[in-house]
Amino acid sequence: MNIQQLKAANPIETVAARYATLHRAGANYKMLCPFHDDHHPSLSLHVGRQYFKCHACGAGGDVIGLVMGLEKCSFAEAVEMLGGREASS
């Protein structure tokens, strides 16, 4: 499985919901940002484009980057975790 297939098999909103409470914001979602001490949901999950952006600290990226922030792990570890999740689904 390549990286694009891994991302397609792990929608960002599905992965994020395993870690935090998501709040609907139109067609997208908001959640607390794992990259800084966040007390109000400032991280937006853009479902259509499958990326996230924090409007407070500026962090952004794809589902792999989100897992890296949530798990405090490396790129390789995040890919491995997502691969394991996809395989167990």
PDB file of N, CA and C in Angstrom:
ATOM      1  N   MET A   1       0.855  -1.176   0.000  1.00  0.00           N
ATOM      2  CA  MET A   1       0.000   0.000   0.000  1.00  0.00           C
ATOM      3  C   MET A   1       0.900   1.238   0.000  1.00  0.00           C
ATOM      4  N   ASN A   2       0.602   2.171  -0.900  1.00  0.00           N
ATOM      5  CA  ASN A   2       1.386   3.408  -0.933  1.00  0.00           C
ATOM      6  C   ASN A   2       0.747   4.470  -0.033  1.00  0.00           C
ATOM      7  N   ILE A   3       1.410   5.604   0.092  1.00  0.00           N
ATOM      8  CA  ILE A   3       0.952   6.668   0.995  1.00  0.00           C
ATOM      9  C   ILE A   3      -0.427   7.192   0.595  1.00  0.00           C
ATOM     10  N   GLN A   4      -0.676   7.385  -0.682  1.00  0.00           N
ATOM     11  CA  GLN A   4      -1.977   7.888  -1.133  1.00  0.00           C
ATOM     12  C   GLN A   4      -3.098   6.915  -0.773  1.00  0.00           C
ATOM     13  N   GLN A   5      -2.845   5.623  -0.940  1.00  0.00           N
ATOM     14  CA  GLN A   5      -3.849   4.616  -0.575  1.00  0.00           C
ATOM     15  C   GLN A   5      -4.074   4.610   0.935  1.00  0.00           C
ATOM     16  N   LEU A   6      -2.998   4.775   1.694  1.00  0.00           N
ATOM     17  CA  LEU A   6      -3.095   4.819   3.151  1.00  0.00           C
ATOM     18  C   LEU A   6      -3.958   5.997   3.593  1.00  0.00           C
ATOM     19  N   LYS A   7      -3.734   7.166   2.986  1.00  0.00           N
ATOM     20  CA  LYS A   7      -4.531   8.352   3.321  1.00  0.00           C
ATOM     21  C   LYS A   7      -5.996   8.149   2.937  1.00  0.00           C
ATOM     22  N   ALA A   8      -6.235   7.565   1.765  1.00  0.00           N
ATOM     23  CA  ALA A   8      -7.614   7.339   1.304  1.00  0.00           C
ATOM     24  C   ALA A   8      -8.349   6.361   2.215  1.00  0.00           C
ATOM     25  N   ALA A   9      -7.624   5.404   2.780  1.00  0.00           N
ATOM     26  CA  ALA A   9      -8.232   4.400   3.660  1.00  0.00           C
ATOM     27  C   ALA A   9      -8.462   4.925   5.077  1.00  0.00           C
ATOM     28  N   ASN A  10      -7.899   6.106   5.384  1.00  0.00           N
ATOM     29  CA  ASN A  10      -7.996   6.684   6.728  1.00  0.00           C
ATOM     30  C   ASN A  10      -8.461   8.133   6.655  1.00  0.00           C
ATOM     31  N   PRO A  11      -9.763   8.371   6.454  1.00  0.00           N
ATOM     32  CA  PRO A  11     -10.264   9.743   6.386  1.00  0.00           C
ATOM     33  C   PRO A  11      -9.899  10.519   7.657  1.00  0.00           C
ATOM     34  N   ILE A  12      -9.466  11.746   7.483  1.00  0.00           N
ATOM     35  CA  ILE A  12      -8.963  12.544   8.611  1.00  0.00           C
ATOM     36  C   ILE A  12      -9.992  12.697   9.721  1.00  0.00           C
ATOM     37  N   GLU A  13     -11.266  12.837   9.376  1.00  0.00           N
ATOM     38  CA  GLU A  13     -12.291  13.012  10.401  1.00  0.00           C
ATOM     39  C   GLU A  13     -12.524  11.720  11.196  1.00  0.00           C
ATOM     40  N   THR A  14     -12.397  10.588  10.562  1.00  0.00           N
ATOM     41  CA  THR A  14     -12.554   9.303  11.239  1.00  0.00           C
ATOM     42  C   THR A  14     -11.406   9.057  12.212  1.00  0.00           C
ATOM     43  N   VAL A  15     -10.197   9.340  11.768  1.00  0.00           N
ATOM     44  CA  VAL A  15      -9.021   9.165  12.623  1.00  0.00           C
ATOM     45  C   VAL A  15      -9.080  10.145  13.794  1.00  0.00           C
ATOM     46  N   ALA A  16      -9.380  11.412  13.525  1.00  0.00           N
ATOM     47  CA  ALA A  16      -9.429  12.429  14.581  1.00  0.00           C
ATOM     48  C   ALA A  16     -10.478  12.092  15.631  1.00  0.00           C
ATOM     49  N   ALA A  17     -11.605  11.533  15.208  1.00  0.00           N
ATOM     50  CA  ALA A  17     -12.695  11.204  16.142  1.00  0.00           C
ATOM     51  C   ALA A  17     -12.289  10.118  17.138  1.00  0.00           C
ATOM     52  N   ARG A  18     -11.250   9.362  16.838  1.00  0.00           N
ATOM     53  CA  ARG A  18     -10.753   8.341  17.770  1.00  0.00           C
ATOM     54  C   ARG A  18      -9.977   8.968  18.916  1.00  0.00           C
ATOM     55  N   TYR A  19      -9.567  10.210  18.752  1.00  0.00           N
ATOM     56  CA  TYR A  19      -8.733  10.893  19.734  1.00  0.00           C
ATOM     57  C   TYR A  19      -9.446  12.012  20.486  1.00  0.00           C
ATOM     58  N   ALA A  20     -10.400  12.652  19.839  1.00  0.00           N
ATOM     59  CA  ALA A  20     -10.988  13.856  20.420  1.00  0.00           C
ATOM     60  C   ALA A  20     -12.453  13.998  19.996  1.00  0.00           C
ATOM     61  N   THR A  21     -13.153  14.854  20.715  1.00  0.00           N
ATOM     62  CA  THR A  21     -14.521  15.199  20.351  1.00  0.00           C
ATOM     63  C   THR A  21     -14.476  16.191  19.204  1.00  0.00           C
ATOM     64  N   LEU A  22     -15.191  15.883  18.142  1.00  0.00           N
ATOM     65  CA  LEU A  22     -15.255  16.774  16.984  1.00  0.00           C
ATOM     66  C   LEU A  22     -16.517  17.625  17.080  1.00  0.00           C
ATOM     67  N   HIS A  23     -16.392  18.872  16.684  1.00  0.00           N
ATOM     68  CA  HIS A  23     -17.512  19.802  16.665  1.00  0.00           C
ATOM     69  C   HIS A  23     -17.776  20.181  15.212  1.00  0.00           C
ATOM     70  N   ARG A  24     -19.019  20.008  14.768  1.00  0.00           N
ATOM     71  CA  ARG A  24     -19.378  20.310  13.385  1.00  0.00           C
ATOM     72  C   ARG A  24     -19.209  21.803  13.132  1.00  0.00           C
ATOM     73  N   ALA A  25     -18.628  22.144  11.990  1.00  0.00           N
ATOM     74  CA  ALA A  25     -18.469  23.536  11.556  1.00  0.00           C
ATOM     75  C   ALA A  25     -18.797  23.575  10.069  1.00  0.00           C
ATOM     76  N   GLY A  26     -20.072  23.626   9.749  1.00  0.00           N
ATOM     77  CA  GLY A  26     -20.489  23.571   8.356  1.00  0.00           C
ATOM     78  C   GLY A  26     -20.246  22.182   7.796  1.00  0.00           C
ATOM     79  N   ALA A  27     -19.512  22.100   6.681  1.00  0.00           N
ATOM     80  CA  ALA A  27     -19.186  20.804   6.082  1.00  0.00           C
ATOM     81  C   ALA A  27     -17.952  20.183   6.727  1.00  0.00           C
ATOM     82  N   ASN A  28     -17.311  20.911   7.628  1.00  0.00           N
ATOM     83  CA  ASN A  28     -16.061  20.474   8.243  1.00  0.00           C
ATOM     84  C   ASN A  28     -16.236  20.266   9.742  1.00  0.00           C
ATOM     85  N   TYR A  29     -15.119  20.103  10.439  1.00  0.00           N
ATOM     86  CA  TYR A  29     -15.139  19.902  11.887  1.00  0.00           C
ATOM     87  C   TYR A  29     -14.071  20.755  12.552  1.00  0.00           C
ATOM     88  N   LYS A  30     -14.247  20.958  13.863  1.00  0.00           N
ATOM     89  CA  LYS A  30     -13.242  21.628  14.686  1.00  0.00           C
ATOM     90  C   LYS A  30     -12.931  20.726  15.867  1.00  0.00           C
ATOM     91  N   MET A  31     -11.718  20.871  16.388  1.00  0.00           N
ATOM     92  CA  MET A  31     -11.322  20.112  17.572  1.00  0.00           C
ATOM     93  C   MET A  31     -10.207  20.867  18.279  1.00  0.00           C
ATOM     94  N   LEU A  32      -9.889  20.435  19.509  1.00  0.00           N
ATOM     95  CA  LEU A  32      -8.763  21.021  20.226  1.00  0.00           C
ATOM     96  C   LEU A  32      -7.475  20.642  19.509  1.00  0.00           C
ATOM     97  N   CYS A  33      -6.564  21.573  19.425  1.00  0.00           N
ATOM     98  CA  CYS A  33      -5.301  21.348  18.721  1.00  0.00           C
ATOM     99  C   CYS A  33      -4.303  20.614  19.625  1.00  0.00           C
ATOM    100  N   PRO A  34      -3.721  19.505  19.126  1.00  0.00           N
ATOM    101  CA  PRO A  34      -2.735  18.770  19.921  1.00  0.00           C
ATOM    102  C   PRO A  34      -1.332  19.387  19.859  1.00  0.00           C
ATOM    103  N   PHE A  35      -1.156  20.428  19.062  1.00  0.00           N
ATOM    104  CA  PHE A  35       0.164  21.016  18.860  1.00  0.00           C
ATOM    105  C   PHE A  35       0.472  22.165  19.814  1.00  0.00           C
ATOM    106  N   HIS A  36      -0.537  22.619  20.572  1.00  0.00           N
ATOM    107  CA  HIS A  36      -0.320  23.655  21.583  1.00  0.00           C
ATOM    108  C   HIS A  36      -1.383  23.501  22.685  1.00  0.00           C
ATOM    109  N   ASP A  37      -1.238  24.252  23.747  1.00  0.00           N
ATOM    110  CA  ASP A  37      -2.180  24.190  24.865  1.00  0.00           C
ATOM    111  C   ASP A  37      -3.460  24.905  24.454  1.00  0.00           C
ATOM    112  N   ASP A  38      -4.413  24.147  23.951  1.00  0.00           N
ATOM    113  CA  ASP A  38      -5.643  24.682  23.372  1.00  0.00           C
ATOM    114  C   ASP A  38      -6.808  24.464  24.337  1.00  0.00           C
ATOM    115  N   HIS A  39      -7.593  25.519  24.575  1.00  0.00           N
ATOM    116  CA  HIS A  39      -8.745  25.408  25.469  1.00  0.00           C
ATOM    117  C   HIS A  39     -10.072  25.582  24.729  1.00  0.00           C
ATOM    118  N   HIS A  40     -10.010  26.067  23.511  1.00  0.00           N
ATOM    119  CA  HIS A  40     -11.184  26.233  22.654  1.00  0.00           C
ATOM    120  C   HIS A  40     -10.826  25.641  21.302  1.00  0.00           C
ATOM    121  N   PRO A  41     -11.705  24.865  20.704  1.00  0.00           N
ATOM    122  CA  PRO A  41     -11.367  24.225  19.431  1.00  0.00           C
ATOM    123  C   PRO A  41     -10.893  25.233  18.371  1.00  0.00           C
ATOM    124  N   SER A  42      -9.619  25.137  18.032  1.00  0.00           N
ATOM    125  CA  SER A  42      -9.065  26.056  17.041  1.00  0.00           C
ATOM    126  C   SER A  42      -8.502  25.320  15.833  1.00  0.00           C
ATOM    127  N   LEU A  43      -8.525  23.995  15.855  1.00  0.00           N
ATOM    128  CA  LEU A  43      -8.020  23.209  14.738  1.00  0.00           C
ATOM    129  C   LEU A  43      -9.200  22.811  13.860  1.00  0.00           C
ATOM    130  N   SER A  44      -9.136  23.164  12.591  1.00  0.00           N
ATOM    131  CA  SER A  44     -10.192  22.831  11.632  1.00  0.00           C
ATOM    132  C   SER A  44      -9.792  21.615  10.819  1.00  0.00           C
ATOM    133  N   LEU A  45     -10.715  20.683  10.672  1.00  0.00           N
ATOM    134  CA  LEU A  45     -10.529  19.519   9.811  1.00  0.00           C
ATOM    135  C   LEU A  45     -11.321  19.773   8.541  1.00  0.00           C
ATOM    136  N   HIS A  46     -10.644  19.857   7.421  1.00  0.00           N
ATOM    137  CA  HIS A  46     -11.290  20.122   6.138  1.00  0.00           C
ATOM    138  C   HIS A  46     -11.527  18.780   5.441  1.00  0.00           C
ATOM    139  N   VAL A  47     -12.765  18.318   5.512  1.00  0.00           N
ATOM    140  CA  VAL A  47     -13.129  16.985   5.056  1.00  0.00           C
ATOM    141  C   VAL A  47     -12.907  16.809   3.554  1.00  0.00           C
ATOM    142  N   GLY A  48     -13.352  17.745   2.753  1.00  0.00           N
ATOM    143  CA  GLY A  48     -13.242  17.623   1.295  1.00  0.00           C
ATOM    144  C   GLY A  48     -11.808  17.529   0.802  1.00  0.00           C
ATOM    145  N   ARG A  49     -10.924  18.246   1.436  1.00  0.00           N
ATOM    146  CA  ARG A  49      -9.515  18.246   1.017  1.00  0.00           C
ATOM    147  C   ARG A  49      -8.633  17.365   1.898  1.00  0.00           C
ATOM    148  N   GLN A  50      -9.205  16.807   2.953  1.00  0.00           N
ATOM    149  CA  GLN A  50      -8.507  15.889   3.847  1.00  0.00           C
ATOM    150  C   GLN A  50      -7.229  16.484   4.446  1.00  0.00           C
ATOM    151  N   TYR A  51      -7.370  17.669   5.041  1.00  0.00           N
ATOM    152  CA  TYR A  51      -6.247  18.275   5.742  1.00  0.00           C
ATOM    153  C   TYR A  51      -6.757  19.009   6.967  1.00  0.00           C
ATOM    154  N   PHE A  52      -5.819  19.394   7.835  1.00  0.00           N
ATOM    155  CA  PHE A  52      -6.169  20.154   9.032  1.00  0.00           C
ATOM    156  C   PHE A  52      -5.362  21.436   9.060  1.00  0.00           C
ATOM    157  N   LYS A  53      -5.893  22.422   9.787  1.00  0.00           N
ATOM    158  CA  LYS A  53      -5.209  23.703   9.971  1.00  0.00           C
ATOM    159  C   LYS A  53      -5.625  24.271  11.317  1.00  0.00           C
ATOM    160  N   CYS A  54      -4.639  24.646  12.135  1.00  0.00           N
ATOM    161  CA  CYS A  54      -4.924  25.306  13.401  1.00  0.00           C
ATOM    162  C   CYS A  54      -4.823  26.804  13.180  1.00  0.00           C
ATOM    163  N   HIS A  55      -5.871  27.519  13.552  1.00  0.00           N
ATOM    164  CA  HIS A  55      -5.893  28.966  13.341  1.00  0.00           C
ATOM    165  C   HIS A  55      -5.198  29.710  14.473  1.00  0.00           C
ATOM    166  N   ALA A  56      -4.792  29.014  15.524  1.00  0.00           N
ATOM    167  CA  ALA A  56      -4.076  29.646  16.639  1.00  0.00           C
ATOM    168  C   ALA A  56      -2.557  29.523  16.473  1.00  0.00           C
ATOM    169  N   CYS A  57      -2.071  28.285  16.249  1.00  0.00           N
ATOM    170  CA  CYS A  57      -0.616  28.081  16.187  1.00  0.00           C
ATOM    171  C   CYS A  57      -0.081  27.926  14.773  1.00  0.00           C
ATOM    172  N   GLY A  58      -0.972  27.746  13.793  1.00  0.00           N
ATOM    173  CA  GLY A  58      -0.539  27.650  12.403  1.00  0.00           C
ATOM    174  C   GLY A  58      -0.201  26.244  11.932  1.00  0.00           C
ATOM    175  N   ALA A  59      -0.302  25.249  12.799  1.00  0.00           N
ATOM    176  CA  ALA A  59      -0.003  23.872  12.395  1.00  0.00           C
ATOM    177  C   ALA A  59      -0.990  23.434  11.320  1.00  0.00           C
ATOM    178  N   GLY A  60      -0.533  22.597  10.423  1.00  0.00           N
ATOM    179  CA  GLY A  60      -1.400  22.094   9.376  1.00  0.00           C
ATOM    180  C   GLY A  60      -0.788  20.883   8.712  1.00  0.00           C
ATOM    181  N   GLY A  61      -1.603  20.141   7.989  1.00  0.00           N
ATOM    182  CA  GLY A  61      -1.097  18.972   7.278  1.00  0.00           C
ATOM    183  C   GLY A  61      -2.190  17.973   6.977  1.00  0.00           C
ATOM    184  N   ASP A  62      -1.748  16.756   6.700  1.00  0.00           N
ATOM    185  CA  ASP A  62      -2.666  15.686   6.334  1.00  0.00           C
ATOM    186  C   ASP A  62      -2.901  14.759   7.524  1.00  0.00           C
ATOM    187  N   VAL A  63      -3.543  13.643   7.279  1.00  0.00           N
ATOM    188  CA  VAL A  63      -3.876  12.704   8.354  1.00  0.00           C
ATOM    189  C   VAL A  63      -2.622  12.141   9.021  1.00  0.00           C
ATOM    190  N   ILE A  64      -1.551  11.971   8.276  1.00  0.00           N
ATOM    191  CA  ILE A  64      -0.310  11.463   8.859  1.00  0.00           C
ATOM    192  C   ILE A  64       0.261  12.487   9.833  1.00  0.00           C
ATOM    193  N   GLY A  65       0.283  13.746   9.438  1.00  0.00           N
ATOM    194  CA  GLY A  65       0.754  14.808  10.323  1.00  0.00           C
ATOM    195  C   GLY A  65      -0.103  14.943  11.567  1.00  0.00           C
ATOM    196  N   LEU A  66      -1.401  14.728  11.419  1.00  0.00           N
ATOM    197  CA  LEU A  66      -2.300  14.802  12.572  1.00  0.00           C
ATOM    198  C   LEU A  66      -1.982  13.686  13.563  1.00  0.00           C
ATOM    199  N   VAL A  67      -1.786  12.479  13.070  1.00  0.00           N
ATOM    200  CA  VAL A  67      -1.432  11.362  13.946  1.00  0.00           C
ATOM    201  C   VAL A  67      -0.086  11.621  14.614  1.00  0.00           C
ATOM    202  N   MET A  68       0.856  12.187  13.878  1.00  0.00           N
ATOM    203  CA  MET A  68       2.156  12.519  14.466  1.00  0.00           C
ATOM    204  C   MET A  68       1.977  13.464  15.654  1.00  0.00           C
ATOM    205  N   GLY A  69       1.108  14.456  15.529  1.00  0.00           N
ATOM    206  CA  GLY A  69       0.855  15.395  16.615  1.00  0.00           C
ATOM    207  C   GLY A  69       0.094  14.781  17.770  1.00  0.00           C
ATOM    208  N   LEU A  70      -0.903  13.968  17.458  1.00  0.00           N
ATOM    209  CA  LEU A  70      -1.726  13.354  18.497  1.00  0.00           C
ATOM    210  C   LEU A  70      -0.968  12.288  19.281  1.00  0.00           C
ATOM    211  N   GLU A  71      -0.144  11.528  18.585  1.00  0.00           N
ATOM    212  CA  GLU A  71       0.598  10.429  19.211  1.00  0.00           C
ATOM    213  C   GLU A  71       2.012  10.832  19.624  1.00  0.00           C
ATOM    214  N   LYS A  72       2.435  12.044  19.221  1.00  0.00           N
ATOM    215  CA  LYS A  72       3.807  12.494  19.505  1.00  0.00           C
ATOM    216  C   LYS A  72       4.809  11.458  18.973  1.00  0.00           C
ATOM    217  N   CYS A  73       4.672  11.135  17.706  1.00  0.00           N
ATOM    218  CA  CYS A  73       5.499  10.090  17.102  1.00  0.00           C
ATOM    219  C   CYS A  73       6.102  10.569  15.787  1.00  0.00           C
ATOM    220  N   SER A  74       6.948   9.742  15.209  1.00  0.00           N
ATOM    221  CA  SER A  74       7.606  10.056  13.942  1.00  0.00           C
ATOM    222  C   SER A  74       6.672   9.762  12.765  1.00  0.00           C
ATOM    223  N   PHE A  75       7.086  10.212  11.587  1.00  0.00           N
ATOM    224  CA  PHE A  75       6.341   9.947  10.358  1.00  0.00           C
ATOM    225  C   PHE A  75       6.181   8.442  10.161  1.00  0.00           C
ATOM    226  N   ALA A  76       7.278   7.701  10.283  1.00  0.00           N
ATOM    227  CA  ALA A  76       7.238   6.245  10.070  1.00  0.00           C
ATOM    228  C   ALA A  76       6.297   5.564  11.055  1.00  0.00           C
ATOM    229  N   GLU A  77       6.330   5.992  12.309  1.00  0.00           N
ATOM    230  CA  GLU A  77       5.440   5.405  13.316  1.00  0.00           C
ATOM    231  C   GLU A  77       3.973   5.719  13.003  1.00  0.00           C
ATOM    232  N   ALA A  78       3.704   6.940  12.553  1.00  0.00           N
ATOM    233  CA  ALA A  78       2.336   7.320  12.198  1.00  0.00           C
ATOM    234  C   ALA A  78       1.825   6.499  11.020  1.00  0.00           C
ATOM    235  N   VAL A  79       2.671   6.307  10.023  1.00  0.00           N
ATOM    236  CA  VAL A  79       2.289   5.492   8.858  1.00  0.00           C
ATOM    237  C   VAL A  79       1.999   4.067   9.303  1.00  0.00           C
ATOM    238  N   GLU A  80       2.838   3.544  10.172  1.00  0.00           N
ATOM    239  CA  GLU A  80       2.634   2.191  10.684  1.00  0.00           C
ATOM    240  C   GLU A  80       1.314   2.083  11.450  1.00  0.00           C
ATOM    241  N   MET A  81       1.014   3.075  12.289  1.00  0.00           N
ATOM    242  CA  MET A  81      -0.247   3.067  13.042  1.00  0.00           C
ATOM    243  C   MET A  81      -1.442   3.116  12.111  1.00  0.00           C
ATOM    244  N   LEU A  82      -1.384   3.975  11.106  1.00  0.00           N
ATOM    245  CA  LEU A  82      -2.507   4.081  10.161  1.00  0.00           C
ATOM    246  C   LEU A  82      -2.647   2.806   9.343  1.00  0.00           C
ATOM    247  N   GLY A  83      -1.538   2.200   8.987  1.00  0.00           N
ATOM    248  CA  GLY A  83      -1.585   0.946   8.250  1.00  0.00           C
ATOM    249  C   GLY A  83      -2.216  -0.158   9.074  1.00  0.00           C
ATOM    250  N   GLY A  84      -1.917  -0.182  10.356  1.00  0.00           N
ATOM    251  CA  GLY A  84      -2.504  -1.171  11.257  1.00  0.00           C
ATOM    252  C   GLY A  84      -3.982  -0.945  11.456  1.00  0.00           C
ATOM    253  N   ARG A  85      -4.395   0.312  11.533  1.00  0.00           N
ATOM    254  CA  ARG A  85      -5.816   0.645  11.689  1.00  0.00           C
ATOM    255  C   ARG A  85      -6.591   0.203  10.461  1.00  0.00           C
ATOM    256  N   GLU A  86      -6.023   0.512   9.285  1.00  0.00           N
ATOM    257  CA  GLU A  86      -6.700   0.175   8.034  1.00  0.00           C
ATOM    258  C   GLU A  86      -6.838  -1.340   7.899  1.00  0.00           C
ATOM    259  N   ALA A  87      -5.769  -2.045   8.274  1.00  0.00           N
ATOM    260  CA  ALA A  87      -5.785  -3.496   8.144  1.00  0.00           C
ATOM    261  C   ALA A  87      -6.794  -4.132   9.090  1.00  0.00           C
ATOM    262  N   SER A  88      -7.017  -3.492  10.247  1.00  0.00           N
ATOM    263  CA  SER A  88      -7.941  -4.073  11.219  1.00  0.00           C
ATOM    264  C   SER A  88      -9.383  -3.652  10.985  1.00  0.00           C
ATOM    265  N   SER A  89      -9.633  -2.750  10.053  1.00  0.00           N
ATOM    266  CA  SER A  89     -10.991  -2.274   9.802  1.00  0.00           C
ATOM    267  C   SER A  89     -11.808  -3.295   9.046  1.00  0.00           C
TER     268      SER A  89
END
